[in-house]
Every structure is written in C-alpha cells, then in structure tokens.
Amino acid sequence: MIINLPNFHKTQDLGILLGQFLPAGTTILLQGEIGAGKTTLIQGIGKGLKIETSIVSPTFTLVNEYHEGRLPLYHLDLYRLQPTEVAAIYPETYWEGIEVPLGITAIEWAQHLPYQPASYLEINLSYTANQTRQAEIFARGEVQLALNFLEQLQTEA
C-alpha cells in the first residue's frame, strides 16, 4: 500500500491512525532517509495512543519507553549502531514482551537490525519527484492486521 504524505500533518495523521488501531504486539520497522518523517510518524503514533509526553527521537539514548497511553510505545533509534551493537540492546525484549508489557514497538533505521521479528509492519518513507513524501506499507510474516483503516488516507491524497 502506498500513501502520499504531502505535508507534516498528513505524516502525523498516518501515525495517529496507526496508534488508534494497531494491537498490542505490533512491531513497526521504519526506513527512510534523514528527514523523511520517521520521527514525525512515531509522534503521530503516540498521539493516536493518547500519550501526553512529548515524543522525541532516542538517537543518543537508543530507546524511549512511553507507558501512559492506550498501549505502551517503545521507540528505538538504531541510526548510530552497527548490527552487532543492535543485538546487544536486545530489541526482541520489546517486540516479544520480555520483561515489558506488550505494546507497539517502532524502530527507526530498521535496516540496522541483525534479525527481525517473525511478524511486522514495514514502512518505507521516501521523497517523491515533486518533493513530497510517501509511505510504502507492507505487512510481513503472519501479522494479523486489517489495514482497511488506512484506505481513507490513501484516497485523500
């Protein structure tokens, strides 16, 4: 599924819908250039989950946890890490709910993962020829997600 994101607000709107409808245990693997909207999308997910705390990219802390919403949100940023370093932070702790309650795990720079969960949503954010953005969304593995709720964004663009 491809969704056009002509501005910041549409990127956040996509995140809000994801936050409102995705179930616990969902992992979102995000890829895209710097400035493509990965953090903006995750901020929208937080809004959709009714998280009041300001969501910022954990570039230096690596993981930010938000527990006050409909579900916990685990935000990982792997930009500065090599795959061997990523393995050392045990990202599966979040997507498998080991030692933390199951929630939504959103991982920026997912291409740095040395391994992936069995099921996940892959979202590739990119610039289009006319300098707007688009999100390409794929359900991978046995992920049981009805993405019908995204059709409204697809038709609005």
N, C-alpha and C. Protein backbone atom coordinates (compact mmCIF):
# COMPACT_ATOMS: atom_id res chain seq x y z
N MET A 1 0.85 -1.17 0.00
CA MET A 1 0.00 0.00 0.00
C MET A 1 0.90 1.24 0.00
N ILE A 2 0.57 2.19 -0.86
CA ILE A 2 1.32 3.44 -0.92
C ILE A 2 0.38 4.58 -0.51
N ILE A 3 0.86 5.41 0.41
CA ILE A 3 0.10 6.56 0.87
C ILE A 3 0.94 7.81 0.64
N ASN A 4 0.38 8.77 -0.07
CA ASN A 4 1.07 10.04 -0.29
C ASN A 4 0.96 10.90 0.97
N LEU A 5 2.06 11.53 1.31
CA LEU A 5 2.14 12.37 2.51
C LEU A 5 2.64 13.74 2.09
N PRO A 6 1.74 14.60 1.60
CA PRO A 6 2.17 15.89 1.05
C PRO A 6 2.73 16.87 2.08
N ASN A 7 2.49 16.61 3.37
CA ASN A 7 2.99 17.55 4.38
C ASN A 7 3.14 16.86 5.73
N PHE A 8 3.69 17.61 6.67
CA PHE A 8 3.92 17.15 8.03
C PHE A 8 2.63 16.59 8.66
N HIS A 9 1.52 17.31 8.46
CA HIS A 9 0.25 16.92 9.09
C HIS A 9 -0.26 15.57 8.59
N LYS A 10 -0.09 15.30 7.30
CA LYS A 10 -0.53 14.01 6.76
C LYS A 10 0.35 12.88 7.30
N THR A 11 1.62 13.15 7.51
CA THR A 11 2.51 12.14 8.10
C THR A 11 2.05 11.84 9.52
N GLN A 12 1.75 12.88 10.29
CA GLN A 12 1.25 12.67 11.65
C GLN A 12 -0.11 11.98 11.63
N ASP A 13 -0.97 12.33 10.69
CA ASP A 13 -2.29 11.69 10.60
C ASP A 13 -2.17 10.19 10.39
N LEU A 14 -1.23 9.78 9.55
CA LEU A 14 -0.97 8.35 9.35
C LEU A 14 -0.57 7.70 10.67
N GLY A 15 0.33 8.35 11.39
CA GLY A 15 0.75 7.82 12.69
C GLY A 15 -0.40 7.75 13.67
N ILE A 16 -1.24 8.78 13.70
CA ILE A 16 -2.39 8.80 14.62
C ILE A 16 -3.30 7.60 14.35
N LEU A 17 -3.60 7.35 13.08
CA LEU A 17 -4.44 6.19 12.74
C LEU A 17 -3.79 4.88 13.19
N LEU A 18 -2.49 4.75 12.95
CA LEU A 18 -1.79 3.54 13.38
C LEU A 18 -1.90 3.39 14.90
N GLY A 19 -1.68 4.47 15.63
CA GLY A 19 -1.76 4.43 17.08
C GLY A 19 -3.14 4.09 17.60
N GLN A 20 -4.16 4.52 16.89
CA GLN A 20 -5.54 4.26 17.32
C GLN A 20 -5.96 2.81 17.07
N PHE A 21 -5.44 2.19 16.02
CA PHE A 21 -5.98 0.90 15.60
C PHE A 21 -5.05 -0.29 15.76
N LEU A 22 -3.75 -0.11 15.84
CA LEU A 22 -2.85 -1.26 15.91
C LEU A 22 -2.97 -1.95 17.27
N PRO A 23 -2.90 -3.29 17.26
CA PRO A 23 -3.00 -4.03 18.52
C PRO A 23 -1.65 -4.14 19.23
N ALA A 24 -1.73 -4.52 20.50
CA ALA A 24 -0.51 -4.79 21.28
C ALA A 24 0.27 -5.91 20.58
N GLY A 25 1.57 -5.77 20.62
CA GLY A 25 2.44 -6.76 19.98
C GLY A 25 2.83 -6.40 18.56
N THR A 26 2.37 -5.26 18.07
CA THR A 26 2.72 -4.83 16.72
C THR A 26 4.12 -4.22 16.73
N THR A 27 4.92 -4.64 15.78
CA THR A 27 6.24 -4.04 15.57
C THR A 27 6.22 -3.33 14.23
N ILE A 28 6.73 -2.10 14.23
CA ILE A 28 6.81 -1.29 13.01
C ILE A 28 8.28 -1.04 12.73
N LEU A 29 8.74 -1.49 11.58
CA LEU A 29 10.12 -1.27 11.16
C LEU A 29 10.12 -0.14 10.14
N LEU A 30 10.77 0.97 10.50
CA LEU A 30 10.78 2.18 9.67
C LEU A 30 12.11 2.37 8.98
N GLN A 31 12.04 2.71 7.71
CA GLN A 31 13.23 3.03 6.95
C GLN A 31 12.97 4.29 6.14
N GLY A 32 14.04 5.01 5.86
CA GLY A 32 13.93 6.23 5.07
C GLY A 32 15.11 7.13 5.35
N GLU A 33 15.36 8.04 4.44
CA GLU A 33 16.47 8.97 4.58
C GLU A 33 16.27 9.87 5.80
N ILE A 34 17.33 10.55 6.20
CA ILE A 34 17.21 11.56 7.25
C ILE A 34 16.20 12.60 6.77
N GLY A 35 15.27 12.96 7.63
CA GLY A 35 14.25 13.95 7.29
C GLY A 35 13.05 13.41 6.54
N ALA A 36 12.98 12.09 6.34
CA ALA A 36 11.86 11.52 5.58
C ALA A 36 10.57 11.46 6.38
N GLY A 37 10.65 11.63 7.71
CA GLY A 37 9.44 11.67 8.52
C GLY A 37 9.26 10.52 9.50
N LYS A 38 10.32 9.76 9.77
CA LYS A 38 10.21 8.62 10.68
C LYS A 38 9.78 9.05 12.09
N THR A 39 10.46 10.04 12.64
CA THR A 39 10.11 10.51 13.99
C THR A 39 8.74 11.17 13.99
N THR A 40 8.41 11.92 12.96
CA THR A 40 7.09 12.56 12.86
C THR A 40 6.00 11.49 12.87
N LEU A 41 6.21 10.42 12.14
CA LEU A 41 5.24 9.33 12.12
C LEU A 41 5.07 8.72 13.52
N ILE A 42 6.17 8.50 14.22
CA ILE A 42 6.11 7.93 15.56
C ILE A 42 5.45 8.91 16.54
N GLN A 43 5.67 10.20 16.36
CA GLN A 43 4.97 11.18 17.19
C GLN A 43 3.46 11.06 16.97
N GLY A 44 3.06 10.84 15.74
CA GLY A 44 1.64 10.63 15.45
C GLY A 44 1.12 9.37 16.10
N ILE A 45 1.91 8.30 16.07
CA ILE A 45 1.50 7.06 16.74
C ILE A 45 1.25 7.34 18.22
N GLY A 46 2.16 8.09 18.84
CA GLY A 46 1.98 8.46 20.24
C GLY A 46 0.69 9.21 20.47
N LYS A 47 0.37 10.14 19.58
CA LYS A 47 -0.90 10.88 19.71
C LYS A 47 -2.09 9.94 19.59
N GLY A 48 -2.00 9.01 18.65
CA GLY A 48 -3.08 8.03 18.47
C GLY A 48 -3.25 7.12 19.68
N LEU A 49 -2.16 6.89 20.40
CA LEU A 49 -2.20 6.08 21.62
C LEU A 49 -2.61 6.90 22.84
N LYS A 50 -2.80 8.21 22.66
CA LYS A 50 -3.14 9.14 23.75
C LYS A 50 -1.99 9.30 24.74
N ILE A 51 -0.78 9.31 24.22
CA ILE A 51 0.40 9.57 25.05
C ILE A 51 0.57 11.08 25.14
N GLU A 52 0.64 11.60 26.35
CA GLU A 52 0.73 13.05 26.58
C GLU A 52 2.18 13.55 26.53
N THR A 53 3.11 12.70 26.89
CA THR A 53 4.52 13.08 26.94
C THR A 53 5.02 13.40 25.53
N SER A 54 5.88 14.40 25.43
CA SER A 54 6.49 14.75 24.14
C SER A 54 7.37 13.60 23.66
N ILE A 55 7.16 13.19 22.42
CA ILE A 55 7.93 12.07 21.86
C ILE A 55 9.08 12.64 21.05
N VAL A 56 10.29 12.26 21.45
CA VAL A 56 11.50 12.71 20.77
C VAL A 56 12.31 11.49 20.33
N SER A 57 13.12 11.70 19.32
CA SER A 57 13.92 10.60 18.80
C SER A 57 15.00 10.20 19.80
N PRO A 58 15.12 8.91 20.10
CA PRO A 58 16.12 8.46 21.05
C PRO A 58 17.48 8.19 20.39
N THR A 59 17.95 9.12 19.58
CA THR A 59 19.20 8.92 18.84
C THR A 59 20.37 8.60 19.77
N PHE A 60 20.43 9.23 20.92
CA PHE A 60 21.56 9.00 21.84
C PHE A 60 21.20 8.06 22.97
N THR A 61 19.92 8.01 23.36
CA THR A 61 19.52 7.09 24.42
C THR A 61 19.16 5.71 23.87
N LEU A 62 18.95 5.61 22.58
CA LEU A 62 18.64 4.40 21.81
C LEU A 62 17.21 3.91 21.96
N VAL A 63 16.64 3.98 23.17
CA VAL A 63 15.27 3.52 23.40
C VAL A 63 14.55 4.50 24.31
N ASN A 64 13.34 4.90 23.91
CA ASN A 64 12.45 5.66 24.78
C ASN A 64 11.20 4.82 24.99
N GLU A 65 10.77 4.74 26.23
CA GLU A 65 9.56 4.00 26.58
C GLU A 65 8.49 4.97 27.06
N TYR A 66 7.28 4.79 26.55
CA TYR A 66 6.13 5.61 26.95
C TYR A 66 5.03 4.65 27.40
N HIS A 67 4.60 4.79 28.65
CA HIS A 67 3.66 3.82 29.22
C HIS A 67 2.28 4.38 29.52
N GLU A 68 2.05 5.69 29.31
CA GLU A 68 0.79 6.26 29.79
C GLU A 68 -0.36 6.20 28.79
N GLY A 69 -0.18 5.65 27.61
CA GLY A 69 -1.23 5.64 26.61
C GLY A 69 -2.09 4.39 26.63
N ARG A 70 -2.87 4.22 25.57
CA ARG A 70 -3.72 3.04 25.39
C ARG A 70 -2.89 1.77 25.46
N LEU A 71 -1.71 1.82 24.89
CA LEU A 71 -0.72 0.74 24.94
C LEU A 71 0.64 1.38 25.15
N PRO A 72 1.60 0.63 25.68
CA PRO A 72 2.96 1.17 25.75
C PRO A 72 3.52 1.37 24.33
N LEU A 73 4.36 2.37 24.19
CA LEU A 73 5.08 2.62 22.94
C LEU A 73 6.56 2.54 23.24
N TYR A 74 7.25 1.69 22.49
CA TYR A 74 8.70 1.54 22.61
C TYR A 74 9.31 2.07 21.32
N HIS A 75 10.09 3.13 21.44
CA HIS A 75 10.65 3.84 20.29
C HIS A 75 12.16 3.61 20.29
N LEU A 76 12.65 2.90 19.30
CA LEU A 76 14.08 2.62 19.18
C LEU A 76 14.63 3.36 17.97
N ASP A 77 15.82 3.89 18.11
CA ASP A 77 16.51 4.58 17.01
C ASP A 77 17.88 3.94 16.85
N LEU A 78 18.08 3.26 15.74
CA LEU A 78 19.31 2.49 15.52
C LEU A 78 20.31 3.19 14.62
N TYR A 79 20.09 4.47 14.36
CA TYR A 79 20.90 5.22 13.40
C TYR A 79 22.40 5.09 13.65
N ARG A 80 22.83 5.22 14.89
CA ARG A 80 24.26 5.26 15.20
C ARG A 80 24.87 3.88 15.45
N LEU A 81 24.09 2.82 15.29
CA LEU A 81 24.56 1.49 15.67
C LEU A 81 24.86 0.60 14.47
N GLN A 82 25.81 -0.28 14.67
CA GLN A 82 26.10 -1.36 13.73
C GLN A 82 25.25 -2.56 14.15
N PRO A 83 24.97 -3.50 13.25
CA PRO A 83 24.14 -4.65 13.62
C PRO A 83 24.60 -5.40 14.87
N THR A 84 25.90 -5.55 15.06
CA THR A 84 26.37 -6.25 16.27
C THR A 84 26.05 -5.46 17.53
N GLU A 85 26.07 -4.14 17.43
CA GLU A 85 25.72 -3.31 18.58
C GLU A 85 24.21 -3.36 18.86
N VAL A 86 23.42 -3.47 17.79
CA VAL A 86 21.97 -3.55 17.95
C VAL A 86 21.60 -4.82 18.72
N ALA A 87 22.23 -5.92 18.37
CA ALA A 87 21.95 -7.19 19.06
C ALA A 87 22.18 -7.07 20.56
N ALA A 88 23.14 -6.24 20.96
CA ALA A 88 23.48 -6.08 22.37
C ALA A 88 22.42 -5.33 23.17
N ILE A 89 21.49 -4.63 22.50
CA ILE A 89 20.41 -3.95 23.25
C ILE A 89 19.14 -4.81 23.28
N TYR A 90 19.20 -6.00 22.70
CA TYR A 90 18.10 -6.97 22.74
C TYR A 90 16.75 -6.38 22.33
N PRO A 91 16.61 -5.97 21.06
CA PRO A 91 15.34 -5.37 20.63
C PRO A 91 14.15 -6.31 20.77
N GLU A 92 14.40 -7.62 20.75
CA GLU A 92 13.29 -8.57 20.90
C GLU A 92 12.63 -8.48 22.27
N THR A 93 13.33 -7.90 23.24
CA THR A 93 12.73 -7.66 24.55
C THR A 93 11.43 -6.88 24.40
N TYR A 94 11.41 -5.95 23.47
CA TYR A 94 10.25 -5.10 23.25
C TYR A 94 9.21 -5.78 22.38
N TRP A 95 9.59 -6.33 21.24
CA TRP A 95 8.58 -6.89 20.35
C TRP A 95 8.03 -8.22 20.85
N GLU A 96 8.73 -8.92 21.74
CA GLU A 96 8.20 -10.17 22.29
C GLU A 96 7.58 -9.97 23.68
N GLY A 97 7.71 -8.78 24.24
CA GLY A 97 7.14 -8.52 25.56
C GLY A 97 7.89 -9.22 26.67
N ILE A 98 9.21 -9.33 26.52
CA ILE A 98 10.05 -9.95 27.55
C ILE A 98 10.42 -8.86 28.55
N GLU A 99 10.01 -9.00 29.78
CA GLU A 99 10.31 -8.05 30.86
C GLU A 99 9.58 -6.71 30.72
N VAL A 100 8.81 -6.53 29.66
CA VAL A 100 8.00 -5.32 29.48
C VAL A 100 6.64 -5.75 28.95
N PRO A 101 5.58 -4.98 29.25
CA PRO A 101 4.26 -5.34 28.69
C PRO A 101 4.28 -5.17 27.17
N LEU A 102 3.55 -6.04 26.47
CA LEU A 102 3.44 -5.90 25.02
C LEU A 102 2.82 -4.55 24.69
N GLY A 103 3.34 -3.93 23.68
CA GLY A 103 2.83 -2.65 23.22
C GLY A 103 3.09 -2.53 21.74
N ILE A 104 3.33 -1.32 21.29
CA ILE A 104 3.75 -1.07 19.91
C ILE A 104 5.24 -0.73 19.95
N THR A 105 6.01 -1.46 19.17
CA THR A 105 7.44 -1.22 19.07
C THR A 105 7.71 -0.58 17.72
N ALA A 106 8.23 0.63 17.72
CA ALA A 106 8.54 1.36 16.49
C ALA A 106 10.05 1.56 16.42
N ILE A 107 10.66 1.06 15.34
CA ILE A 107 12.11 1.06 15.22
C ILE A 107 12.54 1.87 14.00
N GLU A 108 13.23 2.99 14.27
CA GLU A 108 13.80 3.80 13.19
C GLU A 108 15.12 3.19 12.75
N TRP A 109 15.42 3.31 11.47
CA TRP A 109 16.65 2.77 10.89
C TRP A 109 16.69 1.25 11.05
N ALA A 110 15.56 0.62 10.76
CA ALA A 110 15.41 -0.82 10.96
C ALA A 110 16.36 -1.65 10.11
N GLN A 111 16.94 -1.06 9.08
CA GLN A 111 17.89 -1.81 8.26
C GLN A 111 19.15 -2.19 9.04
N HIS A 112 19.33 -1.60 10.23
CA HIS A 112 20.47 -1.94 11.08
C HIS A 112 20.21 -3.17 11.95
N LEU A 113 18.98 -3.68 11.94
CA LEU A 113 18.67 -4.87 12.73
C LEU A 113 19.40 -6.08 12.17
N PRO A 114 20.07 -6.87 13.03
CA PRO A 114 20.72 -8.08 12.52
C PRO A 114 19.70 -9.21 12.33
N TYR A 115 18.51 -9.08 12.91
CA TYR A 115 17.42 -10.04 12.77
C TYR A 115 16.12 -9.28 12.97
N GLN A 116 15.03 -9.87 12.53
CA GLN A 116 13.73 -9.20 12.60
C GLN A 116 12.73 -10.08 13.32
N PRO A 117 11.64 -9.45 13.81
CA PRO A 117 10.59 -10.27 14.41
C PRO A 117 9.92 -11.14 13.34
N ALA A 118 9.20 -12.14 13.77
CA ALA A 118 8.51 -13.03 12.83
C ALA A 118 7.44 -12.29 12.03
N SER A 119 6.79 -11.32 12.66
CA SER A 119 5.74 -10.54 12.01
C SER A 119 5.95 -9.07 12.30
N TYR A 120 5.73 -8.22 11.30
CA TYR A 120 5.91 -6.79 11.50
C TYR A 120 5.30 -6.01 10.35
N LEU A 121 5.12 -4.74 10.61
CA LEU A 121 4.75 -3.79 9.56
C LEU A 121 6.02 -3.11 9.11
N GLU A 122 6.27 -3.10 7.85
CA GLU A 122 7.42 -2.37 7.30
C GLU A 122 6.89 -1.10 6.66
N ILE A 123 7.46 0.03 7.05
CA ILE A 123 7.06 1.31 6.46
C ILE A 123 8.31 1.99 5.92
N ASN A 124 8.32 2.16 4.61
CA ASN A 124 9.42 2.85 3.94
C ASN A 124 8.95 4.25 3.58
N LEU A 125 9.61 5.25 4.15
CA LEU A 125 9.28 6.64 3.87
C LEU A 125 10.29 7.18 2.86
N SER A 126 9.79 7.85 1.85
CA SER A 126 10.69 8.37 0.83
C SER A 126 10.14 9.67 0.25
N TYR A 127 11.02 10.39 -0.43
CA TYR A 127 10.64 11.61 -1.12
C TYR A 127 10.17 11.23 -2.51
N THR A 128 9.18 11.97 -3.01
CA THR A 128 8.71 11.76 -4.37
C THR A 128 9.39 12.78 -5.30
N ALA A 129 9.13 12.66 -6.58
CA ALA A 129 9.75 13.56 -7.57
C ALA A 129 9.37 15.02 -7.33
N ASN A 130 8.18 15.26 -6.79
CA ASN A 130 7.76 16.65 -6.54
C ASN A 130 8.04 17.10 -5.11
N GLN A 131 9.00 16.43 -4.45
CA GLN A 131 9.49 16.80 -3.12
C GLN A 131 8.47 16.66 -1.99
N THR A 132 7.41 15.87 -2.22
CA THR A 132 6.56 15.49 -1.10
C THR A 132 7.06 14.12 -0.64
N ARG A 133 6.36 13.52 0.27
CA ARG A 133 6.79 12.22 0.78
C ARG A 133 5.71 11.18 0.51
N GLN A 134 6.14 9.93 0.61
CA GLN A 134 5.17 8.85 0.54
C GLN A 134 5.60 7.74 1.49
N ALA A 135 4.61 6.99 1.94
CA ALA A 135 4.85 5.83 2.79
C ALA A 135 4.43 4.59 2.02
N GLU A 136 5.33 3.64 1.95
CA GLU A 136 5.03 2.35 1.38
C GLU A 136 4.93 1.38 2.55
N ILE A 137 3.78 0.74 2.69
CA ILE A 137 3.50 -0.08 3.87
C ILE A 137 3.31 -1.53 3.46
N PHE A 138 4.03 -2.42 4.14
CA PHE A 138 3.95 -3.85 3.88
C PHE A 138 3.72 -4.59 5.20
N ALA A 139 2.81 -5.54 5.21
CA ALA A 139 2.63 -6.44 6.35
C ALA A 139 3.48 -7.67 6.06
N ARG A 140 4.41 -7.98 6.95
CA ARG A 140 5.35 -9.10 6.76
C ARG A 140 5.08 -10.20 7.78
N GLY A 141 5.29 -11.43 7.35
CA GLY A 141 5.10 -12.56 8.25
C GLY A 141 3.62 -12.82 8.46
N GLU A 142 3.29 -13.31 9.61
CA GLU A 142 1.91 -13.67 9.91
C GLU A 142 1.19 -12.55 10.64
N VAL A 143 1.60 -11.35 10.41
CA VAL A 143 0.99 -10.21 11.09
C VAL A 143 -0.50 -10.17 10.75
N GLN A 144 -1.32 -10.12 11.79
CA GLN A 144 -2.78 -10.16 11.62
C GLN A 144 -3.34 -8.75 11.73
N LEU A 145 -3.11 -7.95 10.71
CA LEU A 145 -3.56 -6.56 10.74
C LEU A 145 -4.53 -6.31 9.60
N ALA A 146 -5.64 -5.72 9.92
CA ALA A 146 -6.55 -5.25 8.90
C ALA A 146 -6.19 -3.78 8.67
N LEU A 147 -5.62 -3.51 7.53
CA LEU A 147 -5.17 -2.14 7.25
C LEU A 147 -6.24 -1.32 6.53
N ASN A 148 -7.48 -1.77 6.56
CA ASN A 148 -8.57 -1.05 5.89
C ASN A 148 -8.67 0.39 6.37
N PHE A 149 -8.37 0.61 7.65
CA PHE A 149 -8.50 1.95 8.22
C PHE A 149 -7.57 2.95 7.53
N LEU A 150 -6.55 2.47 6.83
CA LEU A 150 -5.63 3.37 6.13
C LEU A 150 -6.16 3.80 4.78
N GLU A 151 -7.19 3.13 4.29
CA GLU A 151 -7.71 3.45 2.96
C GLU A 151 -8.18 4.91 2.87
N GLN A 152 -8.68 5.46 3.98
CA GLN A 152 -9.13 6.86 3.93
C GLN A 152 -7.98 7.79 3.63
N LEU A 153 -6.78 7.50 4.13
CA LEU A 153 -5.61 8.34 3.82
C LEU A 153 -5.18 8.13 2.38
N GLN A 154 -5.29 6.91 1.91
CA GLN A 154 -4.88 6.60 0.55
C GLN A 154 -5.76 7.35 -0.46
N THR A 155 -7.05 7.46 -0.18
CA THR A 155 -7.94 8.13 -1.11
C THR A 155 -7.93 9.65 -0.97
N GLU A 156 -7.51 10.17 0.19
CA GLU A 156 -7.46 11.61 0.39
C GLU A 156 -6.31 12.26 -0.36
N ALA A 157 -5.25 11.51 -0.61
CA ALA A 157 -4.04 12.09 -1.20
C ALA A 157 -4.21 12.43 -2.65
